[in-house]
Amino acid sequence: MRQISTKGASKRLDEAQLRKIFIQFDANGDHVLSKEEIKKAFEHLGAVIPGYRANRGISHADANGDGQVNLTDELDDLVKYAVRVGYSVK
């Protein structure tokens, strides 16, 4: 498995790679990412405080205010947030 980190990395992940990672963390297959699933994804990505990143990601992506990220129409905003904060691959 690749080492993924946001600090000192040599190559940024692109949106397609981040999208694939977030989709992998939809543990129950309901096409919705819960806060816990997003937290686990950010932990996998090397976040120092994954709970914080999950909260911030939800606040950027959760258009309907249900506290989750729908993979159909809200995932793009979560991916854009992750790109903006610089998730990279070592």
C-alpha atoms as a PDB file:
ATOM      1  CA  MET A   1       0.000   0.000   0.000  1.00  0.00           C
ATOM      2  CA  ARG A   2       1.222   3.513  -0.763  1.00  0.00           C
ATOM      3  CA  GLN A   3       2.339   5.852   1.988  1.00  0.00           C
ATOM      4  CA  ILE A   4       0.029   8.866   1.909  1.00  0.00           C
ATOM      5  CA  SER A   5       0.798  12.096   3.707  1.00  0.00           C
ATOM      6  CA  THR A   6       0.102  15.813   3.467  1.00  0.00           C
ATOM      7  CA  LYS A   7       3.528  16.966   4.668  1.00  0.00           C
ATOM      8  CA  GLY A   8       6.735  16.705   2.692  1.00  0.00           C
ATOM      9  CA  ALA A   9       5.081  14.790  -0.090  1.00  0.00           C
ATOM     10  CA  SER A  10       6.444  14.766  -3.581  1.00  0.00           C
ATOM     11  CA  LYS A  11       3.239  14.242  -5.578  1.00  0.00           C
ATOM     12  CA  ARG A  12      -0.302  15.461  -4.986  1.00  0.00           C
ATOM     13  CA  LEU A  13      -3.189  13.082  -5.402  1.00  0.00           C
ATOM     14  CA  ASP A  14      -5.507  14.102  -8.210  1.00  0.00           C
ATOM     15  CA  GLU A  15      -9.269  14.404  -7.864  1.00  0.00           C
ATOM     16  CA  ALA A  16      -9.902  10.976  -9.408  1.00  0.00           C
ATOM     17  CA  GLN A  17      -7.571   9.289  -6.899  1.00  0.00           C
ATOM     18  CA  LEU A  18      -9.166  11.099  -3.954  1.00  0.00           C
ATOM     19  CA  ARG A  19     -12.651  10.272  -5.217  1.00  0.00           C
ATOM     20  CA  LYS A  20     -11.724   6.572  -5.393  1.00  0.00           C
ATOM     21  CA  ILE A  21     -10.319   6.651  -1.841  1.00  0.00           C
ATOM     22  CA  PHE A  22     -13.446   8.284  -0.394  1.00  0.00           C
ATOM     23  CA  ILE A  23     -15.724   5.826  -2.212  1.00  0.00           C
ATOM     24  CA  GLN A  24     -13.720   2.901  -0.755  1.00  0.00           C
ATOM     25  CA  PHE A  25     -14.619   4.126   2.729  1.00  0.00           C
ATOM     26  CA  ASP A  26     -18.383   3.791   2.172  1.00  0.00           C
ATOM     27  CA  ALA A  27     -18.262   0.754   4.460  1.00  0.00           C
ATOM     28  CA  ASN A  28     -21.961  -0.144   4.369  1.00  0.00           C
ATOM     29  CA  GLY A  29     -22.463   0.573   0.658  1.00  0.00           C
ATOM     30  CA  ASP A  30     -25.310   3.054   1.155  1.00  0.00           C
ATOM     31  CA  HIS A  31     -23.730   5.657  -1.184  1.00  0.00           C
ATOM     32  CA  VAL A  32     -23.478   8.088   1.726  1.00  0.00           C
ATOM     33  CA  LEU A  33     -20.343   8.850   3.742  1.00  0.00           C
ATOM     34  CA  SER A  34     -20.967   9.238   7.457  1.00  0.00           C
ATOM     35  CA  LYS A  35     -18.710  11.381   9.616  1.00  0.00           C
ATOM     36  CA  GLU A  36     -16.977   8.211  10.854  1.00  0.00           C
ATOM     37  CA  GLU A  37     -16.381   6.950   7.297  1.00  0.00           C
ATOM     38  CA  ILE A  38     -14.957  10.334   6.260  1.00  0.00           C
ATOM     39  CA  LYS A  39     -12.788  10.391   9.384  1.00  0.00           C
ATOM     40  CA  LYS A  40     -11.386   6.959   8.469  1.00  0.00           C
ATOM     41  CA  ALA A  41     -10.679   8.154   4.917  1.00  0.00           C
ATOM     42  CA  PHE A  42      -8.781  11.200   6.181  1.00  0.00           C
ATOM     43  CA  GLU A  43      -6.917   8.960   8.630  1.00  0.00           C
ATOM     44  CA  HIS A  44      -5.930   6.758   5.671  1.00  0.00           C
ATOM     45  CA  LEU A  45      -4.780   9.898   3.860  1.00  0.00           C
ATOM     46  CA  GLY A  46      -2.479  10.735   6.773  1.00  0.00           C
ATOM     47  CA  ALA A  47      -4.431  13.502   8.504  1.00  0.00           C
ATOM     48  CA  VAL A  48      -2.936  14.427  11.869  1.00  0.00           C
ATOM     49  CA  ILE A  49      -6.404  15.162  13.281  1.00  0.00           C
ATOM     50  CA  PRO A  50      -8.775  13.176  11.032  1.00  0.00           C
ATOM     51  CA  GLY A  51     -11.873  14.094  13.062  1.00  0.00           C
ATOM     52  CA  TYR A  52     -11.210  17.771  12.402  1.00  0.00           C
ATOM     53  CA  ARG A  53     -10.720  17.132   8.684  1.00  0.00           C
ATOM     54  CA  ALA A  54     -13.951  15.100   8.611  1.00  0.00           C
ATOM     55  CA  ASN A  55     -15.886  17.938  10.263  1.00  0.00           C
ATOM     56  CA  ARG A  56     -14.411  20.531   7.900  1.00  0.00           C
ATOM     57  CA  GLY A  57     -15.013  18.299   4.882  1.00  0.00           C
ATOM     58  CA  ILE A  58     -18.642  17.812   5.864  1.00  0.00           C
ATOM     59  CA  SER A  59     -19.114  21.549   6.390  1.00  0.00           C
ATOM     60  CA  HIS A  60     -17.804  22.158   2.853  1.00  0.00           C
ATOM     61  CA  ALA A  61     -19.695  19.348   1.122  1.00  0.00           C
ATOM     62  CA  ASP A  62     -22.963  18.732   2.990  1.00  0.00           C
ATOM     63  CA  ALA A  63     -25.405  20.746   0.870  1.00  0.00           C
ATOM     64  CA  ASN A  64     -28.576  19.341   2.447  1.00  0.00           C
ATOM     65  CA  GLY A  65     -27.423  19.638   6.077  1.00  0.00           C
ATOM     66  CA  ASP A  66     -27.890  15.990   7.070  1.00  0.00           C
ATOM     67  CA  GLY A  67     -24.364  15.655   8.485  1.00  0.00           C
ATOM     68  CA  GLN A  68     -23.261  13.207   5.792  1.00  0.00           C
ATOM     69  CA  VAL A  69     -21.838  13.366   2.268  1.00  0.00           C
ATOM     70  CA  ASN A  70     -23.915  11.812  -0.496  1.00  0.00           C
ATOM     71  CA  LEU A  71     -21.699  10.132  -3.103  1.00  0.00           C
ATOM     72  CA  THR A  72     -24.030  11.161  -5.914  1.00  0.00           C
ATOM     73  CA  ASP A  73     -24.226  14.926  -5.538  1.00  0.00           C
ATOM     74  CA  GLU A  74     -21.953  16.014  -2.660  1.00  0.00           C
ATOM     75  CA  LEU A  75     -18.737  14.005  -3.153  1.00  0.00           C
ATOM     76  CA  ASP A  76     -17.274  16.541  -5.605  1.00  0.00           C
ATOM     77  CA  ASP A  77     -17.202  19.216  -2.904  1.00  0.00           C
ATOM     78  CA  LEU A  78     -15.526  16.863  -0.410  1.00  0.00           C
ATOM     79  CA  VAL A  79     -12.883  16.001  -3.021  1.00  0.00           C
ATOM     80  CA  LYS A  80     -12.328  19.701  -3.793  1.00  0.00           C
ATOM     81  CA  TYR A  81     -11.822  20.342  -0.073  1.00  0.00           C
ATOM     82  CA  ALA A  82      -9.243  17.527   0.153  1.00  0.00           C
ATOM     83  CA  VAL A  83      -7.404  18.887  -2.897  1.00  0.00           C
ATOM     84  CA  ARG A  84      -7.442  22.402  -1.469  1.00  0.00           C
ATOM     85  CA  VAL A  85      -5.872  21.285   1.816  1.00  0.00           C
ATOM     86  CA  GLY A  86      -3.177  19.428  -0.131  1.00  0.00           C
ATOM     87  CA  TYR A  87      -3.441  15.659   0.261  1.00  0.00           C
ATOM     88  CA  SER A  88      -0.451  14.085  -1.454  1.00  0.00           C
ATOM     89  CA  VAL A  89       1.325  10.816  -2.091  1.00  0.00           C
ATOM     90  CA  LYS A  90       4.971  10.200  -1.003  1.00  0.00           C
END
